[in-house]
Amino acid sequence: MPDNKLSDEDQARVDQYLNSGVHRVERKPFRPFLLLGVIVMVLTALSLVSWLIARSKGVV
């Protein structure tokens, strides 16, 4: 067991604060495939814009 650096009273106050729910926020579950889809869409859009700019300048 690690040594406690707080007194029992201080630890009780810390535990009470952490369990009070003041800073708890309900969050939606993380959806990695949605994030991947957004990244692919943004990358595709930027690629299309750069291709259109290159085509209008006669590079492509």
PDB file of N, CA and C in Angstrom:
ATOM      1  N   MET A   1       0.832  -1.186   0.000  1.00  0.00           N
ATOM      2  CA  MET A   1       0.000   0.000   0.000  1.00  0.00           C
ATOM      3  C   MET A   1       0.871   1.242   0.000  1.00  0.00           C
ATOM      4  N   PRO A   2       0.585   2.190  -0.849  1.00  0.00           N
ATOM      5  CA  PRO A   2       1.359   3.429  -0.817  1.00  0.00           C
ATOM      6  C   PRO A   2       0.988   4.257   0.414  1.00  0.00           C
ATOM      7  N   ASP A   3       1.951   5.016   0.871  1.00  0.00           N
ATOM      8  CA  ASP A   3       1.693   5.877   2.028  1.00  0.00           C
ATOM      9  C   ASP A   3       0.794   7.034   1.620  1.00  0.00           C
ATOM     10  N   ASN A   4      -0.202   7.334   2.449  1.00  0.00           N
ATOM     11  CA  ASN A   4      -1.083   8.469   2.189  1.00  0.00           C
ATOM     12  C   ASN A   4      -0.378   9.753   2.592  1.00  0.00           C
ATOM     13  N   LYS A   5      -0.436  10.739   1.718  1.00  0.00           N
ATOM     14  CA  LYS A   5       0.181  12.024   2.011  1.00  0.00           C
ATOM     15  C   LYS A   5      -0.816  12.982   2.638  1.00  0.00           C
ATOM     16  N   LEU A   6      -2.093  12.616   2.633  1.00  0.00           N
ATOM     17  CA  LEU A   6      -3.128  13.472   3.208  1.00  0.00           C
ATOM     18  C   LEU A   6      -3.576  12.911   4.558  1.00  0.00           C
ATOM     19  N   SER A   7      -4.002  13.815   5.403  1.00  0.00           N
ATOM     20  CA  SER A   7      -4.585  13.350   6.662  1.00  0.00           C
ATOM     21  C   SER A   7      -5.957  12.755   6.372  1.00  0.00           C
ATOM     22  N   ASP A   8      -6.509  12.050   7.335  1.00  0.00           N
ATOM     23  CA  ASP A   8      -7.816  11.424   7.141  1.00  0.00           C
ATOM     24  C   ASP A   8      -8.903  12.455   6.850  1.00  0.00           C
ATOM     25  N   GLU A   9      -8.837  13.613   7.516  1.00  0.00           N
ATOM     26  CA  GLU A   9      -9.845  14.656   7.285  1.00  0.00           C
ATOM     27  C   GLU A   9      -9.723  15.220   5.876  1.00  0.00           C
ATOM     28  N   ASP A  10      -8.480  15.471   5.452  1.00  0.00           N
ATOM     29  CA  ASP A  10      -8.280  16.010   4.111  1.00  0.00           C
ATOM     30  C   ASP A  10      -8.709  14.998   3.052  1.00  0.00           C
ATOM     31  N   GLN A  11      -8.383  13.731   3.255  1.00  0.00           N
ATOM     32  CA  GLN A  11      -8.784  12.704   2.304  1.00  0.00           C
ATOM     33  C   GLN A  11     -10.299  12.588   2.240  1.00  0.00           C
ATOM     34  N   ALA A  12     -10.970  12.740   3.377  1.00  0.00           N
ATOM     35  CA  ALA A  12     -12.433  12.691   3.394  1.00  0.00           C
ATOM     36  C   ALA A  12     -13.009  13.852   2.598  1.00  0.00           C
ATOM     37  N   ARG A  13     -12.402  15.040   2.722  1.00  0.00           N
ATOM     38  CA  ARG A  13     -12.872  16.194   1.960  1.00  0.00           C
ATOM     39  C   ARG A  13     -12.644  16.006   0.463  1.00  0.00           C
ATOM     40  N   VAL A  14     -11.502  15.445   0.104  1.00  0.00           N
ATOM     41  CA  VAL A  14     -11.214  15.186  -1.309  1.00  0.00           C
ATOM     42  C   VAL A  14     -12.214  14.168  -1.859  1.00  0.00           C
ATOM     43  N   ASP A  15     -12.458  13.111  -1.123  1.00  0.00           N
ATOM     44  CA  ASP A  15     -13.419  12.096  -1.568  1.00  0.00           C
ATOM     45  C   ASP A  15     -14.825  12.672  -1.697  1.00  0.00           C
ATOM     46  N   GLN A  16     -15.214  13.520  -0.756  1.00  0.00           N
ATOM     47  CA  GLN A  16     -16.538  14.141  -0.823  1.00  0.00           C
ATOM     48  C   GLN A  16     -16.648  15.030  -2.053  1.00  0.00           C
ATOM     49  N   TYR A  17     -15.599  15.792  -2.349  1.00  0.00           N
ATOM     50  CA  TYR A  17     -15.610  16.666  -3.532  1.00  0.00           C
ATOM     51  C   TYR A  17     -15.691  15.848  -4.816  1.00  0.00           C
ATOM     52  N   LEU A  18     -14.892  14.783  -4.897  1.00  0.00           N
ATOM     53  CA  LEU A  18     -14.876  13.986  -6.122  1.00  0.00           C
ATOM     54  C   LEU A  18     -16.186  13.248  -6.341  1.00  0.00           C
ATOM     55  N   ASN A  19     -16.876  12.895  -5.281  1.00  0.00           N
ATOM     56  CA  ASN A  19     -18.134  12.168  -5.400  1.00  0.00           C
ATOM     57  C   ASN A  19     -19.353  13.075  -5.463  1.00  0.00           C
ATOM     58  N   SER A  20     -19.137  14.397  -5.373  1.00  0.00           N
ATOM     59  CA  SER A  20     -20.274  15.317  -5.350  1.00  0.00           C
ATOM     60  C   SER A  20     -20.929  15.470  -6.718  1.00  0.00           C
ATOM     61  N   GLY A  21     -20.214  15.178  -7.782  1.00  0.00           N
ATOM     62  CA  GLY A  21     -20.791  15.269  -9.120  1.00  0.00           C
ATOM     63  C   GLY A  21     -20.819  16.670  -9.687  1.00  0.00           C
ATOM     64  N   VAL A  22     -20.073  17.595  -9.119  1.00  0.00           N
ATOM     65  CA  VAL A  22     -20.081  18.973  -9.597  1.00  0.00           C
ATOM     66  C   VAL A  22     -19.517  19.045 -11.017  1.00  0.00           C
ATOM     67  N   HIS A  23     -18.456  18.326 -11.267  1.00  0.00           N
ATOM     68  CA  HIS A  23     -17.790  18.415 -12.565  1.00  0.00           C
ATOM     69  C   HIS A  23     -18.073  17.213 -13.449  1.00  0.00           C
ATOM     70  N   ARG A  24     -19.053  16.429 -13.137  1.00  0.00           N
ATOM     71  CA  ARG A  24     -19.383  15.278 -13.970  1.00  0.00           C
ATOM     72  C   ARG A  24     -20.270  15.723 -15.121  1.00  0.00           C
ATOM     73  N   VAL A  25     -19.907  15.280 -16.313  1.00  0.00           N
ATOM     74  CA  VAL A  25     -20.650  15.636 -17.515  1.00  0.00           C
ATOM     75  C   VAL A  25     -21.028  14.339 -18.211  1.00  0.00           C
ATOM     76  N   GLU A  26     -22.303  14.209 -18.539  1.00  0.00           N
ATOM     77  CA  GLU A  26     -22.732  13.041 -19.294  1.00  0.00           C
ATOM     78  C   GLU A  26     -22.242  13.200 -20.723  1.00  0.00           C
ATOM     79  N   ARG A  27     -21.554  12.205 -21.215  1.00  0.00           N
ATOM     80  CA  ARG A  27     -20.987  12.277 -22.552  1.00  0.00           C
ATOM     81  C   ARG A  27     -21.550  11.161 -23.402  1.00  0.00           C
ATOM     82  N   LYS A  28     -21.617  11.440 -24.696  1.00  0.00           N
ATOM     83  CA  LYS A  28     -22.030  10.405 -25.634  1.00  0.00           C
ATOM     84  C   LYS A  28     -20.871   9.421 -25.780  1.00  0.00           C
ATOM     85  N   PRO A  29     -21.152   8.190 -26.129  1.00  0.00           N
ATOM     86  CA  PRO A  29     -20.055   7.242 -26.309  1.00  0.00           C
ATOM     87  C   PRO A  29     -19.194   7.629 -27.509  1.00  0.00           C
ATOM     88  N   PHE A  30     -17.918   7.325 -27.409  1.00  0.00           N
ATOM     89  CA  PHE A  30     -16.972   7.644 -28.476  1.00  0.00           C
ATOM     90  C   PHE A  30     -17.219   6.714 -29.655  1.00  0.00           C
ATOM     91  N   ARG A  31     -17.340   7.311 -30.842  1.00  0.00           N
ATOM     92  CA  ARG A  31     -17.596   6.523 -32.056  1.00  0.00           C
ATOM     93  C   ARG A  31     -16.433   6.724 -33.017  1.00  0.00           C
ATOM     94  N   PRO A  32     -15.477   5.804 -33.018  1.00  0.00           N
ATOM     95  CA  PRO A  32     -14.281   6.008 -33.847  1.00  0.00           C
ATOM     96  C   PRO A  32     -14.566   5.975 -35.341  1.00  0.00           C
ATOM     97  N   PHE A  33     -15.564   5.206 -35.784  1.00  0.00           N
ATOM     98  CA  PHE A  33     -15.842   5.155 -37.221  1.00  0.00           C
ATOM     99  C   PHE A  33     -16.455   6.458 -37.716  1.00  0.00           C
ATOM    100  N   LEU A  34     -17.214   7.144 -36.879  1.00  0.00           N
ATOM    101  CA  LEU A  34     -17.721   8.466 -37.255  1.00  0.00           C
ATOM    102  C   LEU A  34     -16.564   9.445 -37.399  1.00  0.00           C
ATOM    103  N   LEU A  35     -15.623   9.408 -36.475  1.00  0.00           N
ATOM    104  CA  LEU A  35     -14.450  10.274 -36.565  1.00  0.00           C
ATOM    105  C   LEU A  35     -13.653   9.967 -37.820  1.00  0.00           C
ATOM    106  N   LEU A  36     -13.464   8.699 -38.120  1.00  0.00           N
ATOM    107  CA  LEU A  36     -12.748   8.305 -39.327  1.00  0.00           C
ATOM    108  C   LEU A  36     -13.480   8.791 -40.575  1.00  0.00           C
ATOM    109  N   GLY A  37     -14.802   8.678 -40.592  1.00  0.00           N
ATOM    110  CA  GLY A  37     -15.582   9.152 -41.722  1.00  0.00           C
ATOM    111  C   GLY A  37     -15.459  10.649 -41.927  1.00  0.00           C
ATOM    112  N   VAL A  38     -15.493  11.405 -40.836  1.00  0.00           N
ATOM    113  CA  VAL A  38     -15.357  12.864 -40.944  1.00  0.00           C
ATOM    114  C   VAL A  38     -13.971  13.222 -41.470  1.00  0.00           C
ATOM    115  N   ILE A  39     -12.954  12.547 -40.985  1.00  0.00           N
ATOM    116  CA  ILE A  39     -11.593  12.821 -41.447  1.00  0.00           C
ATOM    117  C   ILE A  39     -11.464  12.512 -42.934  1.00  0.00           C
ATOM    118  N   VAL A  40     -12.022  11.400 -43.380  1.00  0.00           N
ATOM    119  CA  VAL A  40     -11.954  11.039 -44.802  1.00  0.00           C
ATOM    120  C   VAL A  40     -12.709  12.054 -45.648  1.00  0.00           C
ATOM    121  N   MET A  41     -13.880  12.500 -45.179  1.00  0.00           N
ATOM    122  CA  MET A  41     -14.643  13.496 -45.941  1.00  0.00           C
ATOM    123  C   MET A  41     -13.895  14.817 -46.047  1.00  0.00           C
ATOM    124  N   VAL A  42     -13.296  15.278 -44.966  1.00  0.00           N
ATOM    125  CA  VAL A  42     -12.542  16.534 -44.992  1.00  0.00           C
ATOM    126  C   VAL A  42     -11.329  16.403 -45.915  1.00  0.00           C
ATOM    127  N   LEU A  43     -10.620  15.294 -45.818  1.00  0.00           N
ATOM    128  CA  LEU A  43      -9.463  15.074 -46.674  1.00  0.00           C
ATOM    129  C   LEU A  43      -9.867  15.029 -48.147  1.00  0.00           C
ATOM    130  N   THR A  44     -10.988  14.380 -48.445  1.00  0.00           N
ATOM    131  CA  THR A  44     -11.474  14.316 -49.819  1.00  0.00           C
ATOM    132  C   THR A  44     -11.858  15.701 -50.326  1.00  0.00           C
ATOM    133  N   ALA A  45     -12.538  16.473 -49.492  1.00  0.00           N
ATOM    134  CA  ALA A  45     -12.941  17.822 -49.897  1.00  0.00           C
ATOM    135  C   ALA A  45     -11.718  18.706 -50.153  1.00  0.00           C
ATOM    136  N   LEU A  46     -10.723  18.642 -49.282  1.00  0.00           N
ATOM    137  CA  LEU A  46      -9.520  19.455 -49.486  1.00  0.00           C
ATOM    138  C   LEU A  46      -8.757  19.012 -50.731  1.00  0.00           C
ATOM    139  N   SER A  47      -8.724  17.710 -50.963  1.00  0.00           N
ATOM    140  CA  SER A  47      -8.058  17.209 -52.173  1.00  0.00           C
ATOM    141  C   SER A  47      -8.776  17.684 -53.426  1.00  0.00           C
ATOM    142  N   LEU A  48     -10.105  17.659 -53.408  1.00  0.00           N
ATOM    143  CA  LEU A  48     -10.888  18.121 -54.553  1.00  0.00           C
ATOM    144  C   LEU A  48     -10.661  19.608 -54.800  1.00  0.00           C
ATOM    145  N   VAL A  49     -10.641  20.401 -53.749  1.00  0.00           N
ATOM    146  CA  VAL A  49     -10.401  21.841 -53.898  1.00  0.00           C
ATOM    147  C   VAL A  49      -9.013  22.090 -54.471  1.00  0.00           C
ATOM    148  N   SER A  50      -8.014  21.390 -53.972  1.00  0.00           N
ATOM    149  CA  SER A  50      -6.656  21.605 -54.486  1.00  0.00           C
ATOM    150  C   SER A  50      -6.544  21.146 -55.937  1.00  0.00           C
ATOM    151  N   TRP A  51      -7.245  20.071 -56.289  1.00  0.00           N
ATOM    152  CA  TRP A  51      -7.233  19.596 -57.682  1.00  0.00           C
ATOM    153  C   TRP A  51      -7.900  20.618 -58.601  1.00  0.00           C
ATOM    154  N   LEU A  52      -9.031  21.202 -58.146  1.00  0.00           N
ATOM    155  CA  LEU A  52      -9.714  22.216 -58.953  1.00  0.00           C
ATOM    156  C   LEU A  52      -8.850  23.458 -59.135  1.00  0.00           C
ATOM    157  N   ILE A  53      -8.143  23.858 -58.084  1.00  0.00           N
ATOM    158  CA  ILE A  53      -7.252  25.022 -58.194  1.00  0.00           C
ATOM    159  C   ILE A  53      -6.118  24.712 -59.171  1.00  0.00           C
ATOM    160  N   ALA A  54      -5.537  23.527 -59.065  1.00  0.00           N
ATOM    161  CA  ALA A  54      -4.443  23.155 -59.969  1.00  0.00           C
ATOM    162  C   ALA A  54      -4.938  23.078 -61.411  1.00  0.00           C
ATOM    163  N   ARG A  55      -6.160  22.575 -61.606  1.00  0.00           N
ATOM    164  CA  ARG A  55      -6.712  22.472 -62.964  1.00  0.00           C
ATOM    165  C   ARG A  55      -6.982  23.871 -63.544  1.00  0.00           C
ATOM    166  N   SER A  56      -7.476  24.784 -62.703  1.00  0.00           N
ATOM    167  CA  SER A  56      -7.764  26.134 -63.210  1.00  0.00           C
ATOM    168  C   SER A  56      -6.491  26.899 -63.543  1.00  0.00           C
ATOM    169  N   LYS A  57      -5.362  26.551 -62.939  1.00  0.00           N
ATOM    170  CA  LYS A  57      -4.088  27.219 -63.209  1.00  0.00           C
ATOM    171  C   LYS A  57      -3.300  26.520 -64.319  1.00  0.00           C
ATOM    172  N   GLY A  58      -3.829  25.393 -64.840  1.00  0.00           N
ATOM    173  CA  GLY A  58      -3.180  24.706 -65.938  1.00  0.00           C
ATOM    174  C   GLY A  58      -2.072  23.760 -65.491  1.00  0.00           C
ATOM    175  N   VAL A  59      -2.016  23.436 -64.233  1.00  0.00           N
ATOM    176  CA  VAL A  59      -0.979  22.525 -63.738  1.00  0.00           C
ATOM    177  C   VAL A  59      -1.323  21.090 -64.079  1.00  0.00           C
ATOM    178  N   VAL A  60      -2.597  20.772 -64.012  1.00  0.00           N
ATOM    179  CA  VAL A  60      -3.043  19.400 -64.281  1.00  0.00           C
ATOM    180  C   VAL A  60      -3.669  19.335 -65.655  1.00  0.00           C
TER     181      VAL A  60
END
